PDB file of N, CA and C in Angstrom:
ATOM      1  N   MET A   1     -13.614   1.806 -19.135  1.00  0.00           N
ATOM      2  CA  MET A   1     -13.558   0.346 -19.061  1.00  0.00           C
ATOM      3  C   MET A   1     -13.618   0.104 -17.364  1.00  0.00           C
ATOM      4  N   PRO A   2     -14.600  -0.665 -17.260  1.00  0.00           N
ATOM      5  CA  PRO A   2     -14.824  -1.175 -15.682  1.00  0.00           C
ATOM      6  C   PRO A   2     -13.496  -2.079 -14.995  1.00  0.00           C
ATOM      7  N   GLY A   3     -12.914  -2.695 -15.833  1.00  0.00           N
ATOM      8  CA  GLY A   3     -11.769  -3.409 -15.438  1.00  0.00           C
ATOM      9  C   GLY A   3     -10.531  -2.594 -14.992  1.00  0.00           C
ATOM     10  N   SER A   4     -10.239  -1.408 -15.658  1.00  0.00           N
ATOM     11  CA  SER A   4      -9.327  -0.468 -15.119  1.00  0.00           C
ATOM     12  C   SER A   4      -9.621   0.195 -13.901  1.00  0.00           C
ATOM     13  N   GLU A   5     -10.786   0.557 -13.474  1.00  0.00           N
ATOM     14  CA  GLU A   5     -11.151   0.905 -12.322  1.00  0.00           C
ATOM     15  C   GLU A   5     -10.818   0.068 -11.163  1.00  0.00           C
ATOM     16  N   LEU A   6     -11.309  -1.460 -11.523  1.00  0.00           N
ATOM     17  CA  LEU A   6     -10.961  -2.312 -10.494  1.00  0.00           C
ATOM     18  C   LEU A   6      -9.403  -2.346 -10.392  1.00  0.00           C
ATOM     19  N   PHE A   7      -8.754  -2.292 -11.314  1.00  0.00           N
ATOM     20  CA  PHE A   7      -7.204  -2.356 -11.337  1.00  0.00           C
ATOM     21  C   PHE A   7      -6.603  -1.210 -10.559  1.00  0.00           C
ATOM     22  N   ALA A   8      -7.060  -0.016 -10.801  1.00  0.00           N
ATOM     23  CA  ALA A   8      -6.749   1.119 -10.053  1.00  0.00           C
ATOM     24  C   ALA A   8      -7.074   1.011  -8.389  1.00  0.00           C
ATOM     25  N   GLU A   9      -8.026   0.455  -8.166  1.00  0.00           N
ATOM     26  CA  GLU A   9      -8.432   0.275  -6.837  1.00  0.00           C
ATOM     27  C   GLU A   9      -7.345  -0.791  -6.117  1.00  0.00           C
ATOM     28  N   GLU A  10      -7.077  -1.844  -6.918  1.00  0.00           N
ATOM     29  CA  GLU A  10      -6.411  -2.711  -6.377  1.00  0.00           C
ATOM     30  C   GLU A  10      -4.721  -2.083  -6.176  1.00  0.00           C
ATOM     31  N   ILE A  11      -4.504  -1.395  -7.173  1.00  0.00           N
ATOM     32  CA  ILE A  11      -2.968  -0.640  -6.872  1.00  0.00           C
ATOM     33  C   ILE A  11      -3.149   0.260  -5.728  1.00  0.00           C
ATOM     34  N   ARG A  12      -4.127   0.946  -5.534  1.00  0.00           N
ATOM     35  CA  ARG A  12      -4.501   1.908  -4.456  1.00  0.00           C
ATOM     36  C   ARG A  12      -4.228   0.950  -3.053  1.00  0.00           C
ATOM     37  N   ARG A  13      -4.881   0.063  -3.104  1.00  0.00           N
ATOM     38  CA  ARG A  13      -4.909  -0.770  -1.898  1.00  0.00           C
ATOM     39  C   ARG A  13      -3.494  -1.464  -1.590  1.00  0.00           C
ATOM     40  N   THR A  14      -2.886  -2.018  -2.635  1.00  0.00           N
ATOM     41  CA  THR A  14      -1.545  -2.482  -2.493  1.00  0.00           C
ATOM     42  C   THR A  14      -0.536  -1.347  -1.982  1.00  0.00           C
ATOM     43  N   ALA A  15      -0.597  -0.286  -2.646  1.00  0.00           N
ATOM     44  CA  ALA A  15       0.147   1.053  -2.165  1.00  0.00           C
ATOM     45  C   ALA A  15      -0.097   1.197  -0.667  1.00  0.00           C
ATOM     46  N   SER A  16      -1.342   1.274  -0.190  1.00  0.00           N
ATOM     47  CA  SER A  16      -1.582   1.541   1.087  1.00  0.00           C
ATOM     48  C   SER A  16      -0.914   0.587   1.987  1.00  0.00           C
ATOM     49  N   LEU A  17      -0.938  -0.666   1.692  1.00  0.00           N
ATOM     50  CA  LEU A  17      -0.269  -1.693   2.488  1.00  0.00           C
ATOM     51  C   LEU A  17       1.086  -1.565   2.509  1.00  0.00           C
ATOM     52  N   ALA A  18       1.691  -1.280   1.320  1.00  0.00           N
ATOM     53  CA  ALA A  18       3.237  -1.029   1.427  1.00  0.00           C
ATOM     54  C   ALA A  18       3.515   0.101   2.225  1.00  0.00           C
ATOM     55  N   ASP A  19       2.787   1.123   2.313  1.00  0.00           N
ATOM     56  CA  ASP A  19       3.287   2.306   3.201  1.00  0.00           C
ATOM     57  C   ASP A  19       3.089   1.898   4.580  1.00  0.00           C
ATOM     58  N   SER A  20       2.020   1.179   5.012  1.00  0.00           N
ATOM     59  CA  SER A  20       1.929   0.678   6.397  1.00  0.00           C
ATOM     60  C   SER A  20       3.247  -0.284   6.867  1.00  0.00           C
ATOM     61  N   LEU A  21       3.661  -1.029   5.665  1.00  0.00           N
ATOM     62  CA  LEU A  21       4.929  -1.903   6.210  1.00  0.00           C
ATOM     63  C   LEU A  21       5.758  -0.982   6.247  1.00  0.00           C
ATOM     64  N   VAL A  22       6.120  -0.015   5.378  1.00  0.00           N
ATOM     65  CA  VAL A  22       7.264   0.820   5.419  1.00  0.00           C
ATOM     66  C   VAL A  22       7.433   1.558   6.760  1.00  0.00           C
ATOM     67  N   GLU A  23       6.398   2.173   7.220  1.00  0.00           N
ATOM     68  CA  GLU A  23       6.264   2.665   8.576  1.00  0.00           C
ATOM     69  C   GLU A  23       6.351   1.904   9.795  1.00  0.00           C
ATOM     70  N   TRP A  24       5.977   0.655   9.524  1.00  0.00           N
ATOM     71  CA  TRP A  24       6.299  -0.335  10.613  1.00  0.00           C
ATOM     72  C   TRP A  24       7.660  -0.765  10.836  1.00  0.00           C
ATOM     73  N   TYR A  25       8.351  -1.019   9.637  1.00  0.00           N
ATOM     74  CA  TYR A  25       9.932  -1.269   9.715  1.00  0.00           C
ATOM     75  C   TYR A  25      10.380  -0.108  10.218  1.00  0.00           C
ATOM     76  N   ARG A  26      10.115   1.270   9.793  1.00  0.00           N
ATOM     77  CA  ARG A  26      10.828   2.186  10.372  1.00  0.00           C
ATOM     78  C   ARG A  26      10.739   2.419  11.798  1.00  0.00           C
ATOM     79  N   LEU A  27       9.510   2.086  12.458  1.00  0.00           N
ATOM     80  CA  LEU A  27       9.346   2.249  13.853  1.00  0.00           C
ATOM     81  C   LEU A  27      10.181   1.078  14.454  1.00  0.00           C
ATOM     82  N   TRP A  28      10.067  -0.090  13.806  1.00  0.00           N
ATOM     83  CA  TRP A  28      10.852  -1.233  14.523  1.00  0.00           C
ATOM     84  C   TRP A  28      12.373  -0.978  14.433  1.00  0.00           C
ATOM     85  N   LEU A  29      12.910  -0.302  13.439  1.00  0.00           N
ATOM     86  CA  LEU A  29      14.433  -0.249  13.245  1.00  0.00           C
ATOM     87  C   LEU A  29      14.920   0.895  14.088  1.00  0.00           C
ATOM     88  N   ASN A  30      14.042   1.986  14.375  1.00  0.00           N
ATOM     89  CA  ASN A  30      14.406   3.179  14.994  1.00  0.00           C
ATOM     90  C   ASN A  30      13.537   3.464  16.194  1.00  0.00           C
ATOM     91  N   PRO A  31      13.900   2.590  17.210  1.00  0.00           N
ATOM     92  CA  PRO A  31      13.008   2.802  18.487  1.00  0.00           C
ATOM     93  C   PRO A  31      13.314   4.151  19.002  1.00  0.00           C
TER      94      PRO A  31
END
């Protein structure tokens, strides 16, 4: 299904964004 591949890409992008936010918060809270 082509739709599921697009969905998987969206999940991957969201997970990558979440990882970036977590690292940013970690750096900000622990200088």
